[in-house]
Amino acid sequence: QVRLVESGGGLVQAGGSLRLSCTARATSFSRYVMGWHRQAPGKQRELVASITFDGTPTYSDSVKGRFTISRDNAKNTVYLQMNTLTPNDTAVYYCNSRWGSVENWGQGTQVTVSS
């Protein structure tokens, strides 16, 4: 089992920024693809960004150019820097790890963007 703990969520005004962190208790963190997903009320959970063990990122079109995902394997931590936030970014953000078909999820952290 991989334990994932998110932090950094909160309330921010439109146009502002937040940085989310996810720290993993894992013996082989560097081998996992890490990602961030989000789920807004009444909507399906969607992929926001992911990053491979060698640092190659991918982004959803809705956040491309505004969000940056990064990882520090020495600290077993993945980050999501979120800039130019809009109310449409309001959601619970979940940290995710994947190794092959095995996935783990954090408990989520709330991000609320006011207009």
Protein backbone atom coordinates (compact mmCIF):
# COMPACT_ATOMS: atom_id res chain seq x y z
CA GLN A 1 0.00 0.00 0.00
CA VAL A 2 1.08 3.53 -0.80
CA ARG A 3 -0.09 6.25 1.56
CA LEU A 4 -0.58 9.66 -0.04
CA VAL A 5 -1.22 12.85 1.92
CA GLU A 6 -2.14 16.10 0.18
CA SER A 7 -1.76 19.62 1.51
CA GLY A 8 -1.88 23.20 0.28
CA GLY A 9 -5.53 23.61 -0.63
CA GLY A 10 -7.58 26.56 0.46
CA LEU A 11 -9.54 29.60 -0.62
CA VAL A 12 -8.08 32.00 -3.16
CA GLN A 13 -9.39 34.82 -5.32
CA ALA A 14 -9.60 34.49 -9.08
CA GLY A 15 -6.24 35.19 -10.65
CA GLY A 16 -4.37 33.96 -7.61
CA SER A 17 -2.11 30.98 -7.07
CA LEU A 18 -1.81 27.92 -4.87
CA ARG A 19 0.73 25.14 -4.60
CA LEU A 20 -0.42 21.67 -3.68
CA SER A 21 1.90 19.07 -2.22
CA CYS A 22 1.53 15.32 -1.97
CA THR A 23 3.89 13.30 0.19
CA ALA A 24 3.98 9.54 -0.22
CA ARG A 25 4.93 6.78 2.12
CA ALA A 26 6.30 4.34 -0.41
CA THR A 27 9.36 2.17 -0.76
CA SER A 28 9.67 2.74 -4.51
CA PHE A 29 8.29 6.23 -5.03
CA SER A 30 10.62 7.02 -7.91
CA ARG A 31 9.13 4.15 -9.93
CA TYR A 32 5.56 5.48 -9.77
CA VAL A 33 3.83 7.72 -12.23
CA MET A 34 2.33 10.48 -10.11
CA GLY A 35 -0.66 12.60 -10.92
CA TRP A 36 -3.26 15.06 -9.80
CA HIS A 37 -6.97 14.66 -10.46
CA ARG A 38 -9.86 16.85 -9.43
CA GLN A 39 -13.56 16.44 -8.88
CA ALA A 40 -16.06 19.27 -8.77
CA PRO A 41 -19.55 18.83 -7.29
CA GLY A 42 -21.78 16.90 -9.67
CA LYS A 43 -18.95 16.13 -12.06
CA GLN A 44 -16.73 13.17 -12.80
CA ARG A 45 -13.20 13.04 -11.54
CA GLU A 46 -10.82 14.26 -14.22
CA LEU A 47 -7.10 14.14 -14.80
CA VAL A 48 -5.33 17.45 -14.25
CA ALA A 49 -1.68 16.54 -14.70
CA SER A 50 0.70 13.62 -14.41
CA ILE A 51 4.43 13.14 -14.30
CA THR A 52 6.57 10.10 -14.98
CA PHE A 53 9.39 8.89 -12.79
CA ASP A 54 11.89 10.66 -15.04
CA GLY A 55 10.01 13.97 -14.88
CA THR A 56 8.05 14.00 -18.13
CA PRO A 57 4.79 15.92 -17.54
CA THR A 58 1.39 15.83 -19.21
CA TYR A 59 -1.51 18.24 -18.71
CA SER A 60 -5.16 18.46 -19.48
CA ASP A 61 -6.06 21.15 -21.99
CA SER A 62 -7.98 23.10 -19.37
CA VAL A 63 -4.89 23.73 -17.23
CA LYS A 64 -2.10 23.72 -19.80
CA GLY A 65 -0.01 26.86 -19.48
CA ARG A 66 -1.35 27.66 -16.01
CA PHE A 67 -0.44 24.62 -13.89
CA THR A 68 2.93 22.98 -13.42
CA ILE A 69 3.51 19.52 -11.99
CA SER A 70 6.86 18.54 -10.54
CA ARG A 71 8.34 15.91 -8.27
CA ASP A 72 11.17 15.52 -5.82
CA ASN A 73 11.99 11.85 -5.57
CA ALA A 74 14.38 12.41 -2.67
CA LYS A 75 11.46 13.80 -0.64
CA ASN A 76 8.82 11.39 -1.98
CA THR A 77 6.78 14.43 -2.94
CA VAL A 78 4.88 15.65 -5.98
CA TYR A 79 3.75 19.25 -6.39
CA LEU A 80 1.13 21.08 -8.39
CA GLN A 81 1.73 24.79 -8.87
CA MET A 82 -1.54 26.42 -9.89
CA ASN A 83 -1.49 29.93 -11.33
CA THR A 84 -4.14 32.21 -12.79
CA LEU A 85 -6.85 30.32 -10.99
CA THR A 86 -10.48 30.70 -12.02
CA PRO A 87 -13.72 29.62 -10.34
CA ASN A 88 -13.83 26.71 -12.78
CA ASP A 89 -10.80 25.29 -10.98
CA THR A 90 -12.82 24.87 -7.79
CA ALA A 91 -12.76 21.18 -6.87
CA VAL A 92 -11.34 18.61 -4.54
CA TYR A 93 -7.87 17.76 -5.78
CA TYR A 94 -6.58 14.23 -5.35
CA CYS A 95 -3.05 12.93 -5.51
CA ASN A 96 -2.63 9.67 -7.39
CA SER A 97 0.12 7.14 -7.86
CA ARG A 98 0.27 4.44 -10.49
CA TRP A 99 2.61 1.56 -11.10
CA GLY A 100 1.32 -0.56 -13.91
CA SER A 101 -2.29 -1.35 -13.03
CA VAL A 102 -1.89 -0.60 -9.32
CA GLU A 103 -3.24 2.77 -8.24
CA ASN A 104 -3.44 4.63 -4.94
CA TRP A 105 -5.26 7.81 -3.99
CA GLY A 106 -4.90 10.45 -1.36
CA GLN A 107 -7.79 11.78 0.69
CA GLY A 108 -8.07 15.00 -1.32
CA THR A 109 -7.65 18.68 -0.58
CA GLN A 110 -10.26 21.34 -1.29
CA VAL A 111 -9.44 24.22 -3.63
CA THR A 112 -12.00 27.02 -3.80
CA VAL A 113 -11.58 29.98 -6.15
CA SER A 114 -13.80 32.99 -5.59
CA SER A 115 -14.76 35.43 -8.35
